[in-house]
Amino acid sequence: MKRIRSKLVLALLVVALIPVLPSYYMANGLVNHILALGFNETVEQAIDGAVWMSAELHQQREAETVDIAKRLAHSDPVARALAGNT
């Protein structure tokens, strides 16, 4: 009885581990492909360009916001509100 149980357990382990090997090799290949793509020079240049463009847009929006805030701070309604005359 013990011998049959050992064979059964071994057979079930083999059957359970058979799908693991192809899954491992597929996942390994996928990770290697993604890493190769991530370190691609073209991708890095695109990311650097996007970072530069984002910084430029941020500076423009910041300058526009400061300009609007200055004009608003010097407007008559704000001056009257700060003086207590509404």
PDB file of N, CA and C in Angstrom:
ATOM      1  N   MET A   1       0.825  -1.200   0.000  1.00  0.00           N
ATOM      2  CA  MET A   1       0.000   0.000   0.000  1.00  0.00           C
ATOM      3  C   MET A   1       0.869   1.264   0.000  1.00  0.00           C
ATOM      4  N   LYS A   2       1.950   1.226   0.777  1.00  0.00           N
ATOM      5  CA  LYS A   2       2.829   2.383   0.859  1.00  0.00           C
ATOM      6  C   LYS A   2       3.516   2.644  -0.476  1.00  0.00           C
ATOM      7  N   ARG A   3       3.853   1.596  -1.191  1.00  0.00           N
ATOM      8  CA  ARG A   3       4.523   1.727  -2.479  1.00  0.00           C
ATOM      9  C   ARG A   3       3.581   2.354  -3.516  1.00  0.00           C
ATOM     10  N   ILE A   4       2.336   1.957  -3.494  1.00  0.00           N
ATOM     11  CA  ILE A   4       1.348   2.518  -4.428  1.00  0.00           C
ATOM     12  C   ILE A   4       1.125   3.998  -4.114  1.00  0.00           C
ATOM     13  N   ARG A   5       1.050   4.311  -2.831  1.00  0.00           N
ATOM     14  CA  ARG A   5       0.847   5.700  -2.438  1.00  0.00           C
ATOM     15  C   ARG A   5       2.042   6.556  -2.866  1.00  0.00           C
ATOM     16  N   SER A   6       3.236   6.048  -2.715  1.00  0.00           N
ATOM     17  CA  SER A   6       4.432   6.777  -3.142  1.00  0.00           C
ATOM     18  C   SER A   6       4.417   7.014  -4.642  1.00  0.00           C
ATOM     19  N   LYS A   7       4.048   6.006  -5.408  1.00  0.00           N
ATOM     20  CA  LYS A   7       3.975   6.154  -6.862  1.00  0.00           C
ATOM     21  C   LYS A   7       2.893   7.157  -7.250  1.00  0.00           C
ATOM     22  N   LEU A   8       1.772   7.106  -6.538  1.00  0.00           N
ATOM     23  CA  LEU A   8       0.675   8.028  -6.826  1.00  0.00           C
ATOM     24  C   LEU A   8       1.088   9.473  -6.523  1.00  0.00           C
ATOM     25  N   VAL A   9       1.746   9.674  -5.391  1.00  0.00           N
ATOM     26  CA  VAL A   9       2.204  11.018  -5.030  1.00  0.00           C
ATOM     27  C   VAL A   9       3.223  11.512  -6.042  1.00  0.00           C
ATOM     28  N   LEU A  10       4.153  10.657  -6.438  1.00  0.00           N
ATOM     29  CA  LEU A  10       5.151  11.027  -7.430  1.00  0.00           C
ATOM     30  C   LEU A  10       4.500  11.368  -8.768  1.00  0.00           C
ATOM     31  N   ALA A  11       3.525  10.561  -9.184  1.00  0.00           N
ATOM     32  CA  ALA A  11       2.829  10.820 -10.446  1.00  0.00           C
ATOM     33  C   ALA A  11       2.076  12.149 -10.389  1.00  0.00           C
ATOM     34  N   LEU A  12       1.430  12.436  -9.274  1.00  0.00           N
ATOM     35  CA  LEU A  12       0.695  13.699  -9.138  1.00  0.00           C
ATOM     36  C   LEU A  12       1.653  14.895  -9.129  1.00  0.00           C
ATOM     37  N   LEU A  13       2.812  14.741  -8.494  1.00  0.00           N
ATOM     38  CA  LEU A  13       3.807  15.817  -8.519  1.00  0.00           C
ATOM     39  C   LEU A  13       4.305  16.079  -9.931  1.00  0.00           C
ATOM     40  N   VAL A  14       4.565  15.018 -10.672  1.00  0.00           N
ATOM     41  CA  VAL A  14       5.031  15.179 -12.052  1.00  0.00           C
ATOM     42  C   VAL A  14       3.962  15.864 -12.886  1.00  0.00           C
ATOM     43  N   VAL A  15       2.722  15.425 -12.739  1.00  0.00           N
ATOM     44  CA  VAL A  15       1.620  16.021 -13.509  1.00  0.00           C
ATOM     45  C   VAL A  15       1.423  17.485 -13.107  1.00  0.00           C
ATOM     46  N   ALA A  16       1.611  17.804 -11.846  1.00  0.00           N
ATOM     47  CA  ALA A  16       1.438  19.189 -11.397  1.00  0.00           C
ATOM     48  C   ALA A  16       2.590  20.073 -11.858  1.00  0.00           C
ATOM     49  N   LEU A  17       3.790  19.520 -11.964  1.00  0.00           N
ATOM     50  CA  LEU A  17       4.953  20.324 -12.326  1.00  0.00           C
ATOM     51  C   LEU A  17       5.166  20.449 -13.825  1.00  0.00           C
ATOM     52  N   ILE A  18       4.515  19.640 -14.630  1.00  0.00           N
ATOM     53  CA  ILE A  18       4.676  19.724 -16.087  1.00  0.00           C
ATOM     54  C   ILE A  18       4.300  21.108 -16.618  1.00  0.00           C
ATOM     55  N   PRO A  19       3.185  21.719 -16.217  1.00  0.00           N
ATOM     56  CA  PRO A  19       2.866  23.056 -16.740  1.00  0.00           C
ATOM     57  C   PRO A  19       3.792  24.159 -16.210  1.00  0.00           C
ATOM     58  N   VAL A  20       4.503  23.888 -15.134  1.00  0.00           N
ATOM     59  CA  VAL A  20       5.366  24.909 -14.549  1.00  0.00           C
ATOM     60  C   VAL A  20       6.555  25.213 -15.456  1.00  0.00           C
ATOM     61  N   LEU A  21       7.136  24.214 -16.065  1.00  0.00           N
ATOM     62  CA  LEU A  21       8.324  24.427 -16.893  1.00  0.00           C
ATOM     63  C   LEU A  21       8.056  25.326 -18.097  1.00  0.00           C
ATOM     64  N   PRO A  22       7.039  25.064 -18.914  1.00  0.00           N
ATOM     65  CA  PRO A  22       6.787  26.002 -20.021  1.00  0.00           C
ATOM     66  C   PRO A  22       6.411  27.403 -19.527  1.00  0.00           C
ATOM     67  N   SER A  23       5.681  27.463 -18.425  1.00  0.00           N
ATOM     68  CA  SER A  23       5.315  28.775 -17.878  1.00  0.00           C
ATOM     69  C   SER A  23       6.553  29.536 -17.430  1.00  0.00           C
ATOM     70  N   TYR A  24       7.493  28.839 -16.822  1.00  0.00           N
ATOM     71  CA  TYR A  24       8.735  29.480 -16.384  1.00  0.00           C
ATOM     72  C   TYR A  24       9.508  30.025 -17.578  1.00  0.00           C
ATOM     73  N   TYR A  25       9.657  29.222 -18.617  1.00  0.00           N
ATOM     74  CA  TYR A  25      10.424  29.672 -19.781  1.00  0.00           C
ATOM     75  C   TYR A  25       9.723  30.820 -20.515  1.00  0.00           C
ATOM     76  N   MET A  26       8.385  30.777 -20.566  1.00  0.00           N
ATOM     77  CA  MET A  26       7.661  31.885 -21.202  1.00  0.00           C
ATOM     78  C   MET A  26       7.816  33.166 -20.385  1.00  0.00           C
ATOM     79  N   ALA A  27       7.677  33.060 -19.068  1.00  0.00           N
ATOM     80  CA  ALA A  27       7.815  34.243 -18.213  1.00  0.00           C
ATOM     81  C   ALA A  27       9.242  34.781 -18.269  1.00  0.00           C
ATOM     82  N   ASN A  28      10.216  33.899 -18.284  1.00  0.00           N
ATOM     83  CA  ASN A  28      11.611  34.316 -18.366  1.00  0.00           C
ATOM     84  C   ASN A  28      11.871  35.051 -19.684  1.00  0.00           C
ATOM     85  N   GLY A  29      11.361  34.515 -20.779  1.00  0.00           N
ATOM     86  CA  GLY A  29      11.521  35.176 -22.075  1.00  0.00           C
ATOM     87  C   GLY A  29      10.825  36.521 -22.116  1.00  0.00           C
ATOM     88  N   LEU A  30       9.642  36.596 -21.516  1.00  0.00           N
ATOM     89  CA  LEU A  30       8.896  37.854 -21.492  1.00  0.00           C
ATOM     90  C   LEU A  30       9.643  38.917 -20.687  1.00  0.00           C
ATOM     91  N   VAL A  31      10.157  38.541 -19.537  1.00  0.00           N
ATOM     92  CA  VAL A  31      10.902  39.493 -18.708  1.00  0.00           C
ATOM     93  C   VAL A  31      12.152  39.971 -19.442  1.00  0.00           C
ATOM     94  N   ASN A  32      12.865  39.055 -20.081  1.00  0.00           N
ATOM     95  CA  ASN A  32      14.061  39.450 -20.832  1.00  0.00           C
ATOM     96  C   ASN A  32      13.710  40.393 -21.981  1.00  0.00           C
ATOM     97  N   HIS A  33      12.595  40.127 -22.654  1.00  0.00           N
ATOM     98  CA  HIS A  33      12.162  40.994 -23.763  1.00  0.00           C
ATOM     99  C   HIS A  33      11.797  42.389 -23.254  1.00  0.00           C
ATOM    100  N   ILE A  34      11.084  42.444 -22.149  1.00  0.00           N
ATOM    101  CA  ILE A  34      10.677  43.734 -21.590  1.00  0.00           C
ATOM    102  C   ILE A  34      11.896  44.526 -21.117  1.00  0.00           C
ATOM    103  N   LEU A  35      12.847  43.838 -20.488  1.00  0.00           N
ATOM    104  CA  LEU A  35      14.057  44.531 -20.049  1.00  0.00           C
ATOM    105  C   LEU A  35      14.866  45.039 -21.235  1.00  0.00           C
ATOM    106  N   ALA A  36      14.948  44.240 -22.286  1.00  0.00           N
ATOM    107  CA  ALA A  36      15.674  44.683 -23.481  1.00  0.00           C
ATOM    108  C   ALA A  36      14.981  45.881 -24.111  1.00  0.00           C
ATOM    109  N   LEU A  37      13.659  45.880 -24.113  1.00  0.00           N
ATOM    110  CA  LEU A  37      12.909  46.997 -24.668  1.00  0.00           C
ATOM    111  C   LEU A  37      13.064  48.239 -23.794  1.00  0.00           C
ATOM    112  N   GLY A  38      13.056  48.049 -22.474  1.00  0.00           N
ATOM    113  CA  GLY A  38      13.168  49.181 -21.553  1.00  0.00           C
ATOM    114  C   GLY A  38      14.506  49.877 -21.623  1.00  0.00           C
ATOM    115  N   PHE A  39      15.559  49.149 -21.959  1.00  0.00           N
ATOM    116  CA  PHE A  39      16.882  49.745 -22.051  1.00  0.00           C
ATOM    117  C   PHE A  39      17.251  50.096 -23.483  1.00  0.00           C
ATOM    118  N   ASN A  40      16.264  50.111 -24.343  1.00  0.00           N
ATOM    119  CA  ASN A  40      16.480  50.462 -25.739  1.00  0.00           C
ATOM    120  C   ASN A  40      16.794  51.961 -25.827  1.00  0.00           C
ATOM    121  N   GLU A  41      17.745  52.324 -26.656  1.00  0.00           N
ATOM    122  CA  GLU A  41      18.173  53.725 -26.792  1.00  0.00           C
ATOM    123  C   GLU A  41      17.032  54.617 -27.281  1.00  0.00           C
ATOM    124  N   THR A  42      16.229  54.117 -28.204  1.00  0.00           N
ATOM    125  CA  THR A  42      15.114  54.904 -28.736  1.00  0.00           C
ATOM    126  C   THR A  42      14.098  55.212 -27.648  1.00  0.00           C
ATOM    127  N   VAL A  43      13.812  54.217 -26.811  1.00  0.00           N
ATOM    128  CA  VAL A  43      12.853  54.420 -25.722  1.00  0.00           C
ATOM    129  C   VAL A  43      13.409  55.431 -24.725  1.00  0.00           C
ATOM    130  N   GLU A  44      14.682  55.325 -24.407  1.00  0.00           N
ATOM    131  CA  GLU A  44      15.282  56.274 -23.470  1.00  0.00           C
ATOM    132  C   GLU A  44      15.266  57.694 -24.025  1.00  0.00           C
ATOM    133  N   GLN A  45      15.513  57.842 -25.323  1.00  0.00           N
ATOM    134  CA  GLN A  45      15.458  59.176 -25.935  1.00  0.00           C
ATOM    135  C   GLN A  45      14.039  59.730 -25.882  1.00  0.00           C
ATOM    136  N   ALA A  46      13.048  58.872 -26.118  1.00  0.00           N
ATOM    137  CA  ALA A  46      11.658  59.319 -26.062  1.00  0.00           C
ATOM    138  C   ALA A  46      11.291  59.754 -24.648  1.00  0.00           C
ATOM    139  N   ILE A  47      11.745  59.007 -23.659  1.00  0.00           N
ATOM    140  CA  ILE A  47      11.456  59.368 -22.269  1.00  0.00           C
ATOM    141  C   ILE A  47      12.148  60.679 -21.904  1.00  0.00           C
ATOM    142  N   ASP A  48      13.397  60.839 -22.319  1.00  0.00           N
ATOM    143  CA  ASP A  48      14.108  62.096 -22.048  1.00  0.00           C
ATOM    144  C   ASP A  48      13.405  63.281 -22.711  1.00  0.00           C
ATOM    145  N   GLY A  49      12.936  63.088 -23.936  1.00  0.00           N
ATOM    146  CA  GLY A  49      12.199  64.146 -24.625  1.00  0.00           C
ATOM    147  C   GLY A  49      10.903  64.491 -23.919  1.00  0.00           C
ATOM    148  N   ALA A  50      10.221  63.474 -23.423  1.00  0.00           N
ATOM    149  CA  ALA A  50       8.970  63.711 -22.706  1.00  0.00           C
ATOM    150  C   ALA A  50       9.223  64.453 -21.398  1.00  0.00           C
ATOM    151  N   VAL A  51      10.292  64.099 -20.708  1.00  0.00           N
ATOM    152  CA  VAL A  51      10.635  64.797 -19.463  1.00  0.00           C
ATOM    153  C   VAL A  51      10.962  66.261 -19.751  1.00  0.00           C
ATOM    154  N   TRP A  52      11.733  66.517 -20.800  1.00  0.00           N
ATOM    155  CA  TRP A  52      12.080  67.891 -21.163  1.00  0.00           C
ATOM    156  C   TRP A  52      10.823  68.688 -21.509  1.00  0.00           C
ATOM    157  N   MET A  53       9.939  68.086 -22.315  1.00  0.00           N
ATOM    158  CA  MET A  53       8.718  68.776 -22.723  1.00  0.00           C
ATOM    159  C   MET A  53       7.834  69.056 -21.514  1.00  0.00           C
ATOM    160  N   SER A  54       7.746  68.105 -20.601  1.00  0.00           N
ATOM    161  CA  SER A  54       6.950  68.300 -19.398  1.00  0.00           C
ATOM    162  C   SER A  54       7.503  69.443 -18.553  1.00  0.00           C
ATOM    163  N   ALA A  55       8.817  69.518 -18.424  1.00  0.00           N
ATOM    164  CA  ALA A  55       9.431  70.608 -17.652  1.00  0.00           C
ATOM    165  C   ALA A  55       9.177  71.956 -18.315  1.00  0.00           C
ATOM    166  N   GLU A  56       9.273  72.006 -19.641  1.00  0.00           N
ATOM    167  CA  GLU A  56       9.008  73.258 -20.362  1.00  0.00           C
ATOM    168  C   GLU A  56       7.560  73.704 -20.166  1.00  0.00           C
ATOM    169  N   LEU A  57       6.627  72.776 -20.302  1.00  0.00           N
ATOM    170  CA  LEU A  57       5.216  73.126 -20.109  1.00  0.00           C
ATOM    171  C   LEU A  57       4.954  73.582 -18.680  1.00  0.00           C
ATOM    172  N   HIS A  58       5.597  72.931 -17.722  1.00  0.00           N
ATOM    173  CA  HIS A  58       5.424  73.322 -16.324  1.00  0.00           C
ATOM    174  C   HIS A  58       5.930  74.748 -16.100  1.00  0.00           C
ATOM    175  N   GLN A  59       7.079  75.077 -16.661  1.00  0.00           N
ATOM    176  CA  GLN A  59       7.620  76.431 -16.516  1.00  0.00           C
ATOM    177  C   GLN A  59       6.698  77.462 -17.159  1.00  0.00           C
ATOM    178  N   GLN A  60       6.155  77.136 -18.332  1.00  0.00           N
ATOM    179  CA  GLN A  60       5.234  78.067 -18.994  1.00  0.00           C
ATOM    180  C   GLN A  60       3.991  78.290 -18.150  1.00  0.00           C
ATOM    181  N   ARG A  61       3.408  77.200 -17.649  1.00  0.00           N
ATOM    182  CA  ARG A  61       2.187  77.329 -16.840  1.00  0.00           C
ATOM    183  C   ARG A  61       2.471  78.075 -15.539  1.00  0.00           C
ATOM    184  N   GLU A  62       3.639  77.836 -14.970  1.00  0.00           N
ATOM    185  CA  GLU A  62       3.995  78.541 -13.743  1.00  0.00           C
ATOM    186  C   GLU A  62       4.131  80.039 -14.004  1.00  0.00           C
ATOM    187  N   ALA A  63       4.767  80.410 -15.100  1.00  0.00           N
ATOM    188  CA  ALA A  63       4.913  81.827 -15.444  1.00  0.00           C
ATOM    189  C   ALA A  63       3.549  82.461 -15.704  1.00  0.00           C
ATOM    190  N   GLU A  64       2.675  81.751 -16.403  1.00  0.00           N
ATOM    191  CA  GLU A  64       1.330  82.272 -16.659  1.00  0.00           C
ATOM    192  C   GLU A  64       0.562  82.449 -15.357  1.00  0.00           C
ATOM    193  N   THR A  65       0.686  81.494 -14.453  1.00  0.00           N
ATOM    194  CA  THR A  65      -0.029  81.570 -13.181  1.00  0.00           C
ATOM    195  C   THR A  65       0.475  82.733 -12.336  1.00  0.00           C
ATOM    196  N   VAL A  66       1.785  82.931 -12.303  1.00  0.00           N
ATOM    197  CA  VAL A  66       2.352  84.053 -11.549  1.00  0.00           C
ATOM    198  C   VAL A  66       1.885  85.374 -12.152  1.00  0.00           C
ATOM    199  N   ASP A  67       1.850  85.468 -13.469  1.00  0.00           N
ATOM    200  CA  ASP A  67       1.394  86.687 -14.134  1.00  0.00           C
ATOM    201  C   ASP A  67      -0.065  86.973 -13.795  1.00  0.00           C
ATOM    202  N   ILE A  68      -0.900  85.961 -13.862  1.00  0.00           N
ATOM    203  CA  ILE A  68      -2.322  86.144 -13.525  1.00  0.00           C
ATOM    204  C   ILE A  68      -2.476  86.543 -12.065  1.00  0.00           C
ATOM    205  N   ALA A  69      -1.703  85.910 -11.172  1.00  0.00           N
ATOM    206  CA  ALA A  69      -1.796  86.235  -9.747  1.00  0.00           C
ATOM    207  C   ALA A  69      -1.372  87.674  -9.485  1.00  0.00           C
ATOM    208  N   LYS A  70      -0.326  88.137 -10.164  1.00  0.00           N
ATOM    209  CA  LYS A  70       0.119  89.526  -9.983  1.00  0.00           C
ATOM    210  C   LYS A  70      -0.931  90.503 -10.479  1.00  0.00           C
ATOM    211  N   ARG A  71      -1.514  90.224 -11.655  1.00  0.00           N
ATOM    212  CA  ARG A  71      -2.546  91.123 -12.178  1.00  0.00           C
ATOM    213  C   ARG A  71      -3.767  91.127 -11.269  1.00  0.00           C
ATOM    214  N   LEU A  72      -4.109  89.968 -10.738  1.00  0.00           N
ATOM    215  CA  LEU A  72      -5.262  89.872  -9.845  1.00  0.00           C
ATOM    216  C   LEU A  72      -4.982  90.605  -8.534  1.00  0.00           C
ATOM    217  N   ALA A  73      -3.769  90.480  -8.025  1.00  0.00           N
ATOM    218  CA  ALA A  73      -3.422  91.136  -6.759  1.00  0.00           C
ATOM    219  C   ALA A  73      -3.454  92.653  -6.883  1.00  0.00           C
ATOM    220  N   HIS A  74      -3.182  93.175  -8.064  1.00  0.00           N
ATOM    221  CA  HIS A  74      -3.174  94.625  -8.263  1.00  0.00           C
ATOM    222  C   HIS A  74      -4.497  95.148  -8.825  1.00  0.00           C
ATOM    223  N   SER A  75      -5.502  94.314  -8.888  1.00  0.00           N
ATOM    224  CA  SER A  75      -6.783  94.766  -9.444  1.00  0.00           C
ATOM    225  C   SER A  75      -7.566  95.548  -8.383  1.00  0.00           C
ATOM    226  N   ASP A  76      -8.470  96.381  -8.852  1.00  0.00           N
ATOM    227  CA  ASP A  76      -9.254  97.230  -7.949  1.00  0.00           C
ATOM    228  C   ASP A  76     -10.153  96.430  -7.006  1.00  0.00           C
ATOM    229  N   PRO A  77     -10.880  95.416  -7.476  1.00  0.00           N
ATOM    230  CA  PRO A  77     -11.742  94.689  -6.531  1.00  0.00           C
ATOM    231  C   PRO A  77     -10.957  94.044  -5.387  1.00  0.00           C
ATOM    232  N   VAL A  78      -9.784  93.546  -5.672  1.00  0.00           N
ATOM    233  CA  VAL A  78      -8.987  92.919  -4.612  1.00  0.00           C
ATOM    234  C   VAL A  78      -8.468  93.988  -3.657  1.00  0.00           C
ATOM    235  N   ALA A  79      -8.035  95.118  -4.185  1.00  0.00           N
ATOM    236  CA  ALA A  79      -7.544  96.206  -3.327  1.00  0.00           C
ATOM    237  C   ALA A  79      -8.653  96.703  -2.408  1.00  0.00           C
ATOM    238  N   ARG A  80      -9.875  96.843  -2.946  1.00  0.00           N
ATOM    239  CA  ARG A  80     -11.003  97.286  -2.113  1.00  0.00           C
ATOM    240  C   ARG A  80     -11.343  96.239  -1.063  1.00  0.00           C
ATOM    241  N   ALA A  81     -11.290  94.971  -1.441  1.00  0.00           N
ATOM    242  CA  ALA A  81     -11.608  93.910  -0.483  1.00  0.00           C
ATOM    243  C   ALA A  81     -10.576  93.861   0.638  1.00  0.00           C
ATOM    244  N   LEU A  82      -9.327  94.069   0.302  1.00  0.00           N
ATOM    245  CA  LEU A  82      -8.288  94.061   1.328  1.00  0.00           C
ATOM    246  C   LEU A  82      -8.364  95.294   2.220  1.00  0.00           C
ATOM    247  N   ALA A  83      -8.859  96.391   1.656  1.00  0.00           N
ATOM    248  CA  ALA A  83      -8.995  97.622   2.439  1.00  0.00           C
ATOM    249  C   ALA A  83     -10.241  97.591   3.312  1.00  0.00           C
ATOM    250  N   GLY A  84     -11.087  96.632   3.087  1.00  0.00           N
ATOM    251  CA  GLY A  84     -12.306  96.534   3.874  1.00  0.00           C
ATOM    252  C   GLY A  84     -13.493  97.200   3.223  1.00  0.00           C
ATOM    253  N   ASN A  85     -13.333  97.755   2.044  1.00  0.00           N
ATOM    254  CA  ASN A  85     -14.424  98.395   1.318  1.00  0.00           C
ATOM    255  C   ASN A  85     -14.921  97.429   0.250  1.00  0.00           C
ATOM    256  N   THR A  86     -16.041  96.827   0.491  1.00  0.00           N
ATOM    257  CA  THR A  86     -16.570  95.884  -0.496  1.00  0.00           C
ATOM    258  C   THR A  86     -17.537  96.509  -1.432  1.00  0.00           C
TER     259      THR A  86
END
